[in-house]
Amino acid sequence: MMTTDNEKLLEQTFAQMVAQDAPLSEGLMDRIMFDADQVLTERMPAVEASPEPMQGFGAALLDAIGGWMSFGGLTAAAMTGLWVGVFPPDLIYDYSTGVWGDTIEVPLLESDVFSGLEG
């Protein structure tokens, strides 16, 4: 069982140890760093001497989107969008007419003499 005198002595000792700023010697720091370098070289795997061959633009793009599986899904979505854009179902046409009104064509020039259409 600790007495109050022992507790005070222990607290004073800890306070002195905290207050002391004992720098490490150069020799000790050199030995610590040398040991750390040895441990790192033992644990690191061997690095291959030959670098990875460079990829072309197409292979890099394919890797960026996630491979052939993602490319297949992207192609299917693009073809579906193209099909719906070129041949829209009547439901989509009716819906867009109800929301935005009838389609209006605006000529690029004052009269379309270049295309043979006057109006």
C-alpha atoms as a PDB file:
ATOM      1  CA  MET A   1       0.000   0.000   0.000  1.00  0.00           C
ATOM      2  CA  MET A   2       1.365   3.402  -0.961  1.00  0.00           C
ATOM      3  CA  THR A   3       1.531   6.204   1.515  1.00  0.00           C
ATOM      4  CA  THR A   4       1.184   9.854   0.735  1.00  0.00           C
ATOM      5  CA  ASP A   5       4.942  10.377   1.164  1.00  0.00           C
ATOM      6  CA  ASN A   6       5.673   7.672  -1.412  1.00  0.00           C
ATOM      7  CA  GLU A   7       3.110   9.137  -3.791  1.00  0.00           C
ATOM      8  CA  LYS A   8       4.617  12.613  -3.492  1.00  0.00           C
ATOM      9  CA  LEU A   9       8.110  11.232  -4.075  1.00  0.00           C
ATOM     10  CA  LEU A  10       6.928   9.301  -7.121  1.00  0.00           C
ATOM     11  CA  GLU A  11       5.151  12.361  -8.555  1.00  0.00           C
ATOM     12  CA  GLN A  12       8.275  14.495  -8.011  1.00  0.00           C
ATOM     13  CA  THR A  13      10.415  11.882  -9.772  1.00  0.00           C
ATOM     14  CA  PHE A  14       8.043  11.749 -12.741  1.00  0.00           C
ATOM     15  CA  ALA A  15       7.928  15.547 -12.906  1.00  0.00           C
ATOM     16  CA  GLN A  16      11.736  15.693 -13.011  1.00  0.00           C
ATOM     17  CA  MET A  17      11.882  13.089 -15.766  1.00  0.00           C
ATOM     18  CA  VAL A  18       9.342  14.968 -17.853  1.00  0.00           C
ATOM     19  CA  ALA A  19      11.134  18.276 -17.326  1.00  0.00           C
ATOM     20  CA  GLN A  20      14.479  16.908 -18.476  1.00  0.00           C
ATOM     21  CA  ASP A  21      15.143  17.232 -22.170  1.00  0.00           C
ATOM     22  CA  ALA A  22      17.837  14.656 -22.779  1.00  0.00           C
ATOM     23  CA  PRO A  23      18.857  14.673 -26.453  1.00  0.00           C
ATOM     24  CA  LEU A  24      20.031  11.425 -27.966  1.00  0.00           C
ATOM     25  CA  SER A  25      23.665  11.163 -28.886  1.00  0.00           C
ATOM     26  CA  GLU A  26      24.751  11.140 -32.531  1.00  0.00           C
ATOM     27  CA  GLY A  27      26.094   7.599 -32.221  1.00  0.00           C
ATOM     28  CA  LEU A  28      22.818   6.271 -30.845  1.00  0.00           C
ATOM     29  CA  MET A  29      20.799   7.963 -33.628  1.00  0.00           C
ATOM     30  CA  ASP A  30      23.167   6.535 -36.260  1.00  0.00           C
ATOM     31  CA  ARG A  31      22.753   3.005 -34.872  1.00  0.00           C
ATOM     32  CA  ILE A  32      18.951   3.361 -34.717  1.00  0.00           C
ATOM     33  CA  MET A  33      18.779   4.554 -38.328  1.00  0.00           C
ATOM     34  CA  PHE A  34      21.165   1.812 -39.485  1.00  0.00           C
ATOM     35  CA  ASP A  35      18.981  -0.846 -37.832  1.00  0.00           C
ATOM     36  CA  ALA A  36      15.853   0.677 -39.361  1.00  0.00           C
ATOM     37  CA  ASP A  37      17.419   0.589 -42.838  1.00  0.00           C
ATOM     38  CA  GLN A  38      18.365  -3.077 -42.395  1.00  0.00           C
ATOM     39  CA  VAL A  39      14.837  -4.006 -41.316  1.00  0.00           C
ATOM     40  CA  LEU A  40      13.340  -2.143 -44.277  1.00  0.00           C
ATOM     41  CA  THR A  41      15.599  -3.846 -46.815  1.00  0.00           C
ATOM     42  CA  GLU A  42      14.780  -7.268 -45.355  1.00  0.00           C
ATOM     43  CA  ARG A  43      11.029  -6.706 -45.470  1.00  0.00           C
ATOM     44  CA  MET A  44      10.766  -5.040 -48.870  1.00  0.00           C
ATOM     45  CA  PRO A  45      10.071  -7.373 -51.806  1.00  0.00           C
ATOM     46  CA  ALA A  46      12.541  -7.480 -54.644  1.00  0.00           C
ATOM     47  CA  VAL A  47      11.790  -4.895 -57.319  1.00  0.00           C
ATOM     48  CA  GLU A  48      11.581  -6.160 -60.875  1.00  0.00           C
ATOM     49  CA  ALA A  49      14.276  -4.845 -63.163  1.00  0.00           C
ATOM     50  CA  SER A  50      12.130  -4.553 -66.300  1.00  0.00           C
ATOM     51  CA  PRO A  51       9.354  -1.918 -66.303  1.00  0.00           C
ATOM     52  CA  GLU A  52       5.827  -2.671 -67.415  1.00  0.00           C
ATOM     53  CA  PRO A  53       5.398  -2.301 -71.188  1.00  0.00           C
ATOM     54  CA  MET A  54       3.605   0.824 -72.320  1.00  0.00           C
ATOM     55  CA  GLN A  55      -0.027   0.506 -73.342  1.00  0.00           C
ATOM     56  CA  GLY A  56      -1.631   2.053 -76.363  1.00  0.00           C
ATOM     57  CA  PHE A  57      -4.431   4.605 -76.154  1.00  0.00           C
ATOM     58  CA  GLY A  58      -7.145   2.011 -76.747  1.00  0.00           C
ATOM     59  CA  ALA A  59      -5.878  -0.321 -74.020  1.00  0.00           C
ATOM     60  CA  ALA A  60      -5.549   2.570 -71.563  1.00  0.00           C
ATOM     61  CA  LEU A  61      -9.098   3.721 -72.361  1.00  0.00           C
ATOM     62  CA  LEU A  62     -10.435   0.189 -71.945  1.00  0.00           C
ATOM     63  CA  ASP A  63      -8.717  -0.084 -68.548  1.00  0.00           C
ATOM     64  CA  ALA A  64     -10.100   3.318 -67.538  1.00  0.00           C
ATOM     65  CA  ILE A  65     -13.734   2.315 -68.125  1.00  0.00           C
ATOM     66  CA  GLY A  66     -13.390  -1.029 -66.391  1.00  0.00           C
ATOM     67  CA  GLY A  67     -12.570  -3.614 -69.051  1.00  0.00           C
ATOM     68  CA  TRP A  68     -14.602  -5.498 -71.620  1.00  0.00           C
ATOM     69  CA  MET A  69     -17.602  -6.061 -69.347  1.00  0.00           C
ATOM     70  CA  SER A  70     -18.079  -2.318 -68.828  1.00  0.00           C
ATOM     71  CA  PHE A  71     -17.420  -1.645 -72.503  1.00  0.00           C
ATOM     72  CA  GLY A  72     -20.232  -4.055 -73.443  1.00  0.00           C
ATOM     73  CA  GLY A  73     -22.707  -2.293 -71.149  1.00  0.00           C
ATOM     74  CA  LEU A  74     -21.632   1.116 -72.411  1.00  0.00           C
ATOM     75  CA  THR A  75     -22.077  -0.026 -76.020  1.00  0.00           C
ATOM     76  CA  ALA A  76     -25.551  -1.432 -75.316  1.00  0.00           C
ATOM     77  CA  ALA A  77     -26.642   1.815 -73.633  1.00  0.00           C
ATOM     78  CA  ALA A  78     -25.253   3.912 -76.484  1.00  0.00           C
ATOM     79  CA  MET A  79     -26.985   1.832 -79.153  1.00  0.00           C
ATOM     80  CA  THR A  80     -30.277   1.976 -77.236  1.00  0.00           C
ATOM     81  CA  GLY A  81     -30.005   5.764 -76.977  1.00  0.00           C
ATOM     82  CA  LEU A  82     -29.237   6.045 -80.681  1.00  0.00           C
ATOM     83  CA  TRP A  83     -32.191   3.813 -81.580  1.00  0.00           C
ATOM     84  CA  VAL A  84     -34.595   5.806 -79.408  1.00  0.00           C
ATOM     85  CA  GLY A  85     -33.205   9.065 -80.819  1.00  0.00           C
ATOM     86  CA  VAL A  86     -33.531   8.063 -84.461  1.00  0.00           C
ATOM     87  CA  PHE A  87     -36.785   6.070 -84.225  1.00  0.00           C
ATOM     88  CA  PRO A  88     -38.624   7.413 -81.170  1.00  0.00           C
ATOM     89  CA  PRO A  89     -41.703   5.502 -80.039  1.00  0.00           C
ATOM     90  CA  ASP A  90     -45.043   7.285 -80.361  1.00  0.00           C
ATOM     91  CA  LEU A  91     -45.332   7.515 -76.596  1.00  0.00           C
ATOM     92  CA  ILE A  92     -42.154   9.623 -76.368  1.00  0.00           C
ATOM     93  CA  TYR A  93     -43.264  11.862 -79.245  1.00  0.00           C
ATOM     94  CA  ASP A  94     -46.689  12.410 -77.655  1.00  0.00           C
ATOM     95  CA  TYR A  95     -45.108  13.144 -74.277  1.00  0.00           C
ATOM     96  CA  SER A  96     -42.603  15.657 -75.680  1.00  0.00           C
ATOM     97  CA  THR A  97     -45.325  17.376 -77.722  1.00  0.00           C
ATOM     98  CA  GLY A  98     -47.463  17.678 -74.592  1.00  0.00           C
ATOM     99  CA  VAL A  99     -44.621  19.120 -72.543  1.00  0.00           C
ATOM    100  CA  TRP A 100     -42.858  21.385 -75.052  1.00  0.00           C
ATOM    101  CA  GLY A 101     -45.427  21.842 -77.800  1.00  0.00           C
ATOM    102  CA  ASP A 102     -45.068  21.246 -81.515  1.00  0.00           C
ATOM    103  CA  THR A 103     -41.687  21.179 -83.198  1.00  0.00           C
ATOM    104  CA  ILE A 104     -40.644  24.417 -84.869  1.00  0.00           C
ATOM    105  CA  GLU A 105     -37.998  24.485 -87.563  1.00  0.00           C
ATOM    106  CA  VAL A 106     -35.843  27.604 -87.727  1.00  0.00           C
ATOM    107  CA  PRO A 107     -33.792  28.212 -90.890  1.00  0.00           C
ATOM    108  CA  LEU A 108     -30.129  29.027 -90.471  1.00  0.00           C
ATOM    109  CA  LEU A 109     -30.263  31.761 -93.080  1.00  0.00           C
ATOM    110  CA  GLU A 110     -33.024  34.197 -93.977  1.00  0.00           C
ATOM    111  CA  SER A 111     -34.084  31.914 -96.803  1.00  0.00           C
ATOM    112  CA  ASP A 112     -32.853  28.432 -97.433  1.00  0.00           C
ATOM    113  CA  VAL A 113     -31.745  29.054-100.995  1.00  0.00           C
ATOM    114  CA  PHE A 114     -28.808  26.727-100.614  1.00  0.00           C
ATOM    115  CA  SER A 115     -30.966  23.731 -99.794  1.00  0.00           C
ATOM    116  CA  GLY A 116     -33.656  24.552-102.358  1.00  0.00           C
ATOM    117  CA  LEU A 117     -36.330  25.148 -99.745  1.00  0.00           C
ATOM    118  CA  GLU A 118     -38.068  28.510 -99.681  1.00  0.00           C
ATOM    119  CA  GLY A 119     -40.517  29.382 -97.027  1.00  0.00           C
END
